[in-house]
Amino acid sequence: MKYGFNQFRPGLLVMLGVFALAGGCKKDNEPTSGLSAKIQNIVPQATLDDLEAKGLVVNQGSQPPNIEGVFEISPYRLLSPYGPNDNFRQGRVIGNYKYRFYQQQGDVVQVDYKNASGSETGTGKGALLAGSGNKFTLFLETAGTDSGISFKALDVVSGEIGPDGILNFQIGLTMTQKTGDDKNTRLIPINQARIWEDGDQLAKKVTTY
């Protein structure tokens, strides 16, 4: 289950790969507010509007903070289902996750993640960052298999770097493509999103991944 893409219950996710949205470093003439052209070229405005309507905070700006480190999300709680037909309800808790951010260069950072059991893992390559001050939002495309269905998705992670971890950690997960499952009986529909959060509002910084 890719953070709860499954419609009914957690299931095994086999990652086929995680790939960069775009590469390169921030250009001098990019604005200090809003989202960079690289992000705007990849993420449709309708997707951002949907995520924000569901409660995801999108931190804009072209001077994100350094977010390197390992962070544990516990409890991993559903903030917003994808819609009225979602079988997951607000407040649902699934297994803990760890995220590792590393090799940050300007607005590009590497991302790894895994759940507590190790059955779900991913390795990021060149996820894009926006933000300013201590607040950031990260954009990452993933690809994998869940419940026998191949899919692609957009992960949008937001929060604020603090001394003990990431404050107000949120992640919005939008299904962008899938093969089969036309009746949406196994995975959530295409162009729909769930918003998850750290239930105690702090993804704690830890020493080991």
C-alpha atoms as a PDB file:
ATOM      1  CA  MET A   1       0.000   0.000   0.000  1.00  0.00           C
ATOM      2  CA  LYS A   2       1.649   3.210  -1.137  1.00  0.00           C
ATOM      3  CA  TYR A   3       0.897   5.258   1.986  1.00  0.00           C
ATOM      4  CA  GLY A   4      -2.713   4.146   1.673  1.00  0.00           C
ATOM      5  CA  PHE A   5      -3.461   4.167  -2.049  1.00  0.00           C
ATOM      6  CA  ASN A   6      -5.232   0.825  -1.546  1.00  0.00           C
ATOM      7  CA  GLN A   7      -8.984   1.217  -1.273  1.00  0.00           C
ATOM      8  CA  PHE A   8      -9.588  -1.202   1.567  1.00  0.00           C
ATOM      9  CA  ARG A   9      -6.542  -2.434   3.468  1.00  0.00           C
ATOM     10  CA  PRO A  10      -2.753  -2.140   3.603  1.00  0.00           C
ATOM     11  CA  GLY A  11      -1.043  -4.266   0.963  1.00  0.00           C
ATOM     12  CA  LEU A  12       2.460  -4.969  -0.304  1.00  0.00           C
ATOM     13  CA  LEU A  13       4.063  -2.314  -2.451  1.00  0.00           C
ATOM     14  CA  VAL A  14       6.860  -3.254  -4.822  1.00  0.00           C
ATOM     15  CA  MET A  15       8.697  -0.146  -5.971  1.00  0.00           C
ATOM     16  CA  LEU A  16       9.585  -0.043  -9.633  1.00  0.00           C
ATOM     17  CA  GLY A  17      11.505   3.170  -9.215  1.00  0.00           C
ATOM     18  CA  VAL A  18      11.343   6.774  -8.102  1.00  0.00           C
ATOM     19  CA  PHE A  19      12.428   9.357 -10.594  1.00  0.00           C
ATOM     20  CA  ALA A  20      13.267  13.032 -10.692  1.00  0.00           C
ATOM     21  CA  LEU A  21      10.687  15.627 -11.559  1.00  0.00           C
ATOM     22  CA  ALA A  22      13.471  17.820 -12.883  1.00  0.00           C
ATOM     23  CA  GLY A  23      17.084  18.664 -12.233  1.00  0.00           C
ATOM     24  CA  GLY A  24      19.350  21.630 -11.967  1.00  0.00           C
ATOM     25  CA  CYS A  25      19.745  24.445  -9.495  1.00  0.00           C
ATOM     26  CA  LYS A  26      17.796  27.620  -8.914  1.00  0.00           C
ATOM     27  CA  LYS A  27      18.425  30.336 -11.478  1.00  0.00           C
ATOM     28  CA  ASP A  28      19.252  33.818 -10.274  1.00  0.00           C
ATOM     29  CA  ASN A  29      16.256  35.332 -12.038  1.00  0.00           C
ATOM     30  CA  GLU A  30      13.677  33.045 -10.429  1.00  0.00           C
ATOM     31  CA  PRO A  31      11.220  34.832  -8.118  1.00  0.00           C
ATOM     32  CA  THR A  32      11.547  34.647  -4.337  1.00  0.00           C
ATOM     33  CA  SER A  33       7.853  33.832  -4.020  1.00  0.00           C
ATOM     34  CA  GLY A  34       5.561  31.441  -5.842  1.00  0.00           C
ATOM     35  CA  LEU A  35       6.782  28.183  -7.372  1.00  0.00           C
ATOM     36  CA  SER A  36       9.681  27.810  -9.781  1.00  0.00           C
ATOM     37  CA  ALA A  37       9.079  27.300 -13.487  1.00  0.00           C
ATOM     38  CA  LYS A  38      10.448  23.757 -13.112  1.00  0.00           C
ATOM     39  CA  ILE A  39       7.738  22.880 -10.599  1.00  0.00           C
ATOM     40  CA  GLN A  40       4.998  24.671 -12.537  1.00  0.00           C
ATOM     41  CA  ASN A  41       5.965  22.770 -15.695  1.00  0.00           C
ATOM     42  CA  ILE A  42       5.519  19.445 -13.905  1.00  0.00           C
ATOM     43  CA  VAL A  43       2.659  19.935 -11.430  1.00  0.00           C
ATOM     44  CA  PRO A  44      -0.721  20.990 -12.859  1.00  0.00           C
ATOM     45  CA  GLN A  45      -2.395  23.897 -11.123  1.00  0.00           C
ATOM     46  CA  ALA A  46      -5.543  21.787 -10.753  1.00  0.00           C
ATOM     47  CA  THR A  47      -3.552  19.255  -8.719  1.00  0.00           C
ATOM     48  CA  LEU A  48      -2.196  21.958  -6.425  1.00  0.00           C
ATOM     49  CA  ASP A  49      -5.676  23.433  -6.015  1.00  0.00           C
ATOM     50  CA  ASP A  50      -7.070  20.019  -5.066  1.00  0.00           C
ATOM     51  CA  LEU A  51      -4.315  19.354  -2.532  1.00  0.00           C
ATOM     52  CA  GLU A  52      -4.734  22.752  -0.920  1.00  0.00           C
ATOM     53  CA  ALA A  53      -8.518  22.358  -0.819  1.00  0.00           C
ATOM     54  CA  LYS A  54      -8.007  19.114   1.087  1.00  0.00           C
ATOM     55  CA  GLY A  55      -5.840  20.858   3.672  1.00  0.00           C
ATOM     56  CA  LEU A  56      -2.273  20.528   2.384  1.00  0.00           C
ATOM     57  CA  VAL A  57      -0.120  23.593   3.016  1.00  0.00           C
ATOM     58  CA  VAL A  58       1.995  24.422  -0.057  1.00  0.00           C
ATOM     59  CA  ASN A  59       4.947  26.563   1.023  1.00  0.00           C
ATOM     60  CA  GLN A  60       6.054  28.701  -1.882  1.00  0.00           C
ATOM     61  CA  GLY A  61       9.319  30.480  -2.569  1.00  0.00           C
ATOM     62  CA  SER A  62      12.631  29.782  -4.263  1.00  0.00           C
ATOM     63  CA  GLN A  63      14.878  29.767  -1.180  1.00  0.00           C
ATOM     64  CA  PRO A  64      13.971  26.556   0.701  1.00  0.00           C
ATOM     65  CA  PRO A  65      15.774  25.623   3.919  1.00  0.00           C
ATOM     66  CA  ASN A  66      18.210  22.751   4.212  1.00  0.00           C
ATOM     67  CA  ILE A  67      16.061  19.736   5.113  1.00  0.00           C
ATOM     68  CA  GLU A  68      18.738  17.039   5.277  1.00  0.00           C
ATOM     69  CA  GLY A  69      18.273  14.384   7.945  1.00  0.00           C
ATOM     70  CA  VAL A  70      16.216  11.341   8.926  1.00  0.00           C
ATOM     71  CA  PHE A  71      12.689  11.879  10.224  1.00  0.00           C
ATOM     72  CA  GLU A  72      10.113   9.486  11.679  1.00  0.00           C
ATOM     73  CA  ILE A  73       6.396  10.056  11.106  1.00  0.00           C
ATOM     74  CA  SER A  74       4.391   8.625  13.996  1.00  0.00           C
ATOM     75  CA  PRO A  75       1.453   8.331  14.052  1.00  0.00           C
ATOM     76  CA  TYR A  76       0.943   8.393  10.262  1.00  0.00           C
ATOM     77  CA  ARG A  77      -2.640   9.676  10.198  1.00  0.00           C
ATOM     78  CA  LEU A  78      -5.112  10.461   7.415  1.00  0.00           C
ATOM     79  CA  LEU A  79      -6.029  14.134   7.366  1.00  0.00           C
ATOM     80  CA  SER A  80      -8.244  14.104   4.280  1.00  0.00           C
ATOM     81  CA  PRO A  81      -9.777  11.242   2.237  1.00  0.00           C
ATOM     82  CA  TYR A  82      -9.910  11.658  -1.530  1.00  0.00           C
ATOM     83  CA  GLY A  83     -13.692  12.129  -1.527  1.00  0.00           C
ATOM     84  CA  PRO A  84     -17.037  10.869  -0.211  1.00  0.00           C
ATOM     85  CA  ASN A  85     -16.548   7.428  -1.801  1.00  0.00           C
ATOM     86  CA  ASP A  86     -13.232   6.829  -0.045  1.00  0.00           C
ATOM     87  CA  ASN A  87     -13.218   3.749   2.180  1.00  0.00           C
ATOM     88  CA  PHE A  88     -10.558   5.389   4.362  1.00  0.00           C
ATOM     89  CA  ARG A  89     -11.913   7.881   6.879  1.00  0.00           C
ATOM     90  CA  GLN A  90     -10.293  10.943   8.391  1.00  0.00           C
ATOM     91  CA  GLY A  91      -8.188   9.980  11.392  1.00  0.00           C
ATOM     92  CA  ARG A  92      -7.215   6.525  10.122  1.00  0.00           C
ATOM     93  CA  VAL A  93      -3.713   5.563  11.281  1.00  0.00           C
ATOM     94  CA  ILE A  94      -1.356   3.261   9.381  1.00  0.00           C
ATOM     95  CA  GLY A  95       2.191   2.095  10.169  1.00  0.00           C
ATOM     96  CA  ASN A  96       4.973   4.559  10.905  1.00  0.00           C
ATOM     97  CA  TYR A  97       7.310   5.808   8.182  1.00  0.00           C
ATOM     98  CA  LYS A  98      10.835   7.136   8.042  1.00  0.00           C
ATOM     99  CA  TYR A  99      12.054   9.676   5.508  1.00  0.00           C
ATOM    100  CA  ARG A 100      15.685  10.457   4.688  1.00  0.00           C
ATOM    101  CA  PHE A 101      16.571  13.691   2.877  1.00  0.00           C
ATOM    102  CA  TYR A 102      20.162  14.034   1.708  1.00  0.00           C
ATOM    103  CA  GLN A 103      22.560  15.510  -0.861  1.00  0.00           C
ATOM    104  CA  GLN A 104      20.561  18.710  -1.094  1.00  0.00           C
ATOM    105  CA  GLN A 105      21.825  21.191  -3.661  1.00  0.00           C
ATOM    106  CA  GLY A 106      19.717  24.319  -3.724  1.00  0.00           C
ATOM    107  CA  ASP A 107      16.209  23.311  -4.731  1.00  0.00           C
ATOM    108  CA  VAL A 108      17.003  19.642  -5.470  1.00  0.00           C
ATOM    109  CA  VAL A 109      17.224  16.935  -2.805  1.00  0.00           C
ATOM    110  CA  GLN A 110      17.443  13.140  -2.661  1.00  0.00           C
ATOM    111  CA  VAL A 111      14.675  11.291  -0.829  1.00  0.00           C
ATOM    112  CA  ASP A 112      14.443   7.792   0.652  1.00  0.00           C
ATOM    113  CA  TYR A 113      11.488   6.430   2.618  1.00  0.00           C
ATOM    114  CA  LYS A 114      10.318   3.182   4.199  1.00  0.00           C
ATOM    115  CA  ASN A 115       7.603   1.936   6.495  1.00  0.00           C
ATOM    116  CA  ALA A 116       8.221   0.310   9.869  1.00  0.00           C
ATOM    117  CA  SER A 117       8.023  -3.257   8.548  1.00  0.00           C
ATOM    118  CA  GLY A 118      10.277  -2.556   5.568  1.00  0.00           C
ATOM    119  CA  SER A 119       7.659  -3.815   3.102  1.00  0.00           C
ATOM    120  CA  GLU A 120       7.424  -0.389   1.451  1.00  0.00           C
ATOM    121  CA  THR A 121      10.568   1.414   0.389  1.00  0.00           C
ATOM    122  CA  GLY A 122      11.540   4.062  -2.134  1.00  0.00           C
ATOM    123  CA  THR A 123      14.632   5.935  -3.242  1.00  0.00           C
ATOM    124  CA  GLY A 124      14.336   9.492  -4.487  1.00  0.00           C
ATOM    125  CA  LYS A 125      16.354  11.162  -7.197  1.00  0.00           C
ATOM    126  CA  GLY A 126      16.291  14.921  -7.503  1.00  0.00           C
ATOM    127  CA  ALA A 127      13.001  15.828  -5.889  1.00  0.00           C
ATOM    128  CA  LEU A 128      12.232  19.535  -6.280  1.00  0.00           C
ATOM    129  CA  LEU A 129      11.963  21.929  -3.354  1.00  0.00           C
ATOM    130  CA  ALA A 130      10.116  25.189  -2.821  1.00  0.00           C
ATOM    131  CA  GLY A 131       9.932  27.329   0.290  1.00  0.00           C
ATOM    132  CA  SER A 132      11.555  30.095   2.296  1.00  0.00           C
ATOM    133  CA  GLY A 133      12.754  30.592   5.843  1.00  0.00           C
ATOM    134  CA  ASN A 134      12.251  27.281   7.665  1.00  0.00           C
ATOM    135  CA  LYS A 135       9.194  26.223   5.627  1.00  0.00           C
ATOM    136  CA  PHE A 136       9.388  23.966   2.583  1.00  0.00           C
ATOM    137  CA  THR A 137       7.382  21.881   0.141  1.00  0.00           C
ATOM    138  CA  LEU A 138       8.911  18.989  -1.796  1.00  0.00           C
ATOM    139  CA  PHE A 139       7.626  17.556  -5.102  1.00  0.00           C
ATOM    140  CA  LEU A 140       8.436  13.982  -6.091  1.00  0.00           C
ATOM    141  CA  GLU A 141       7.086  11.540  -8.682  1.00  0.00           C
ATOM    142  CA  THR A 142       7.027   7.836  -7.827  1.00  0.00           C
ATOM    143  CA  ALA A 143       6.214   4.641  -9.706  1.00  0.00           C
ATOM    144  CA  GLY A 144       5.351   1.249  -8.271  1.00  0.00           C
ATOM    145  CA  THR A 145       2.931  -1.642  -7.987  1.00  0.00           C
ATOM    146  CA  ASP A 146       0.159  -1.990  -5.410  1.00  0.00           C
ATOM    147  CA  SER A 147      -2.415  -4.797  -5.306  1.00  0.00           C
ATOM    148  CA  GLY A 148      -1.123  -5.954  -8.690  1.00  0.00           C
ATOM    149  CA  ILE A 149      -1.750  -2.553 -10.301  1.00  0.00           C
ATOM    150  CA  SER A 150       1.121  -0.538 -11.779  1.00  0.00           C
ATOM    151  CA  PHE A 151       0.835   3.149 -10.967  1.00  0.00           C
ATOM    152  CA  LYS A 152       2.515   6.529 -11.022  1.00  0.00           C
ATOM    153  CA  ALA A 153       1.927   9.143  -8.376  1.00  0.00           C
ATOM    154  CA  LEU A 154       2.900  12.620  -7.246  1.00  0.00           C
ATOM    155  CA  ASP A 155       4.055  13.025  -3.638  1.00  0.00           C
ATOM    156  CA  VAL A 156       3.996  16.533  -2.157  1.00  0.00           C
ATOM    157  CA  VAL A 157       5.626  16.841   1.285  1.00  0.00           C
ATOM    158  CA  SER A 158       5.299  20.009   3.382  1.00  0.00           C
ATOM    159  CA  GLY A 159       6.499  21.153   6.765  1.00  0.00           C
ATOM    160  CA  GLU A 160       8.737  23.455   8.761  1.00  0.00           C
ATOM    161  CA  ILE A 161      12.238  22.551   9.883  1.00  0.00           C
ATOM    162  CA  GLY A 162      12.686  22.906  13.641  1.00  0.00           C
ATOM    163  CA  PRO A 163      15.325  21.899  16.182  1.00  0.00           C
ATOM    164  CA  ASP A 164      13.644  18.567  16.933  1.00  0.00           C
ATOM    165  CA  GLY A 165      12.354  17.632  13.481  1.00  0.00           C
ATOM    166  CA  ILE A 166       9.746  18.712  10.931  1.00  0.00           C
ATOM    167  CA  LEU A 167       6.835  20.656  12.377  1.00  0.00           C
ATOM    168  CA  ASN A 168       3.393  20.220  10.801  1.00  0.00           C
ATOM    169  CA  PHE A 169       4.583  17.386   8.542  1.00  0.00           C
ATOM    170  CA  GLN A 170       2.067  16.668   5.765  1.00  0.00           C
ATOM    171  CA  ILE A 171       2.155  14.579   2.600  1.00  0.00           C
ATOM    172  CA  GLY A 172      -0.317  14.791  -0.272  1.00  0.00           C
ATOM    173  CA  LEU A 173      -0.480  11.755  -2.547  1.00  0.00           C
ATOM    174  CA  THR A 174      -2.114  12.101  -5.968  1.00  0.00           C
ATOM    175  CA  MET A 175      -2.626   9.128  -8.284  1.00  0.00           C
ATOM    176  CA  THR A 176      -1.537  10.306 -11.743  1.00  0.00           C
ATOM    177  CA  GLN A 177      -1.592   7.045 -13.758  1.00  0.00           C
ATOM    178  CA  LYS A 178      -2.477   3.392 -13.269  1.00  0.00           C
ATOM    179  CA  THR A 179      -2.813   0.333 -15.475  1.00  0.00           C
ATOM    180  CA  GLY A 180      -6.118  -1.479 -15.098  1.00  0.00           C
ATOM    181  CA  ASP A 181      -8.481  -1.072 -12.130  1.00  0.00           C
ATOM    182  CA  ASP A 182     -10.854   0.968 -14.291  1.00  0.00           C
ATOM    183  CA  LYS A 183     -13.607   0.681 -11.682  1.00  0.00           C
ATOM    184  CA  ASN A 184     -11.288   1.836  -8.891  1.00  0.00           C
ATOM    185  CA  THR A 185     -11.918  -1.227  -6.775  1.00  0.00           C
ATOM    186  CA  ARG A 186      -8.257  -1.681  -5.753  1.00  0.00           C
ATOM    187  CA  LEU A 187      -6.601   1.732  -5.776  1.00  0.00           C
ATOM    188  CA  ILE A 188      -7.870   5.292  -5.513  1.00  0.00           C
ATOM    189  CA  PRO A 189      -9.000   6.971  -8.756  1.00  0.00           C
ATOM    190  CA  ILE A 190      -6.665   8.829 -11.107  1.00  0.00           C
ATOM    191  CA  ASN A 191      -6.325  12.538 -10.290  1.00  0.00           C
ATOM    192  CA  GLN A 192      -7.586  11.956  -6.756  1.00  0.00           C
ATOM    193  CA  ALA A 193      -5.511  12.551  -3.631  1.00  0.00           C
ATOM    194  CA  ARG A 194      -5.285  11.684   0.031  1.00  0.00           C
ATOM    195  CA  ILE A 195      -3.570  13.930   2.581  1.00  0.00           C
ATOM    196  CA  TRP A 196      -1.646  12.303   5.441  1.00  0.00           C
ATOM    197  CA  GLU A 197       0.056  13.972   8.417  1.00  0.00           C
ATOM    198  CA  ASP A 198       2.119  13.301  11.490  1.00  0.00           C
ATOM    199  CA  GLY A 199      -0.578  12.951  14.116  1.00  0.00           C
ATOM    200  CA  ASP A 200       1.360  14.804  16.822  1.00  0.00           C
ATOM    201  CA  GLN A 201       2.435  17.557  14.404  1.00  0.00           C
ATOM    202  CA  LEU A 202       6.133  16.692  14.676  1.00  0.00           C
ATOM    203  CA  ALA A 203       8.101  14.279  12.479  1.00  0.00           C
ATOM    204  CA  LYS A 204      10.919  13.684  14.944  1.00  0.00           C
ATOM    205  CA  LYS A 205      14.526  13.835  13.792  1.00  0.00           C
ATOM    206  CA  VAL A 206      16.256  10.526  14.496  1.00  0.00           C
ATOM    207  CA  THR A 207      19.820   9.310  14.144  1.00  0.00           C
ATOM    208  CA  THR A 208      19.297   6.106  12.145  1.00  0.00           C
ATOM    209  CA  TYR A 209      17.399   5.238   8.990  1.00  0.00           C
END
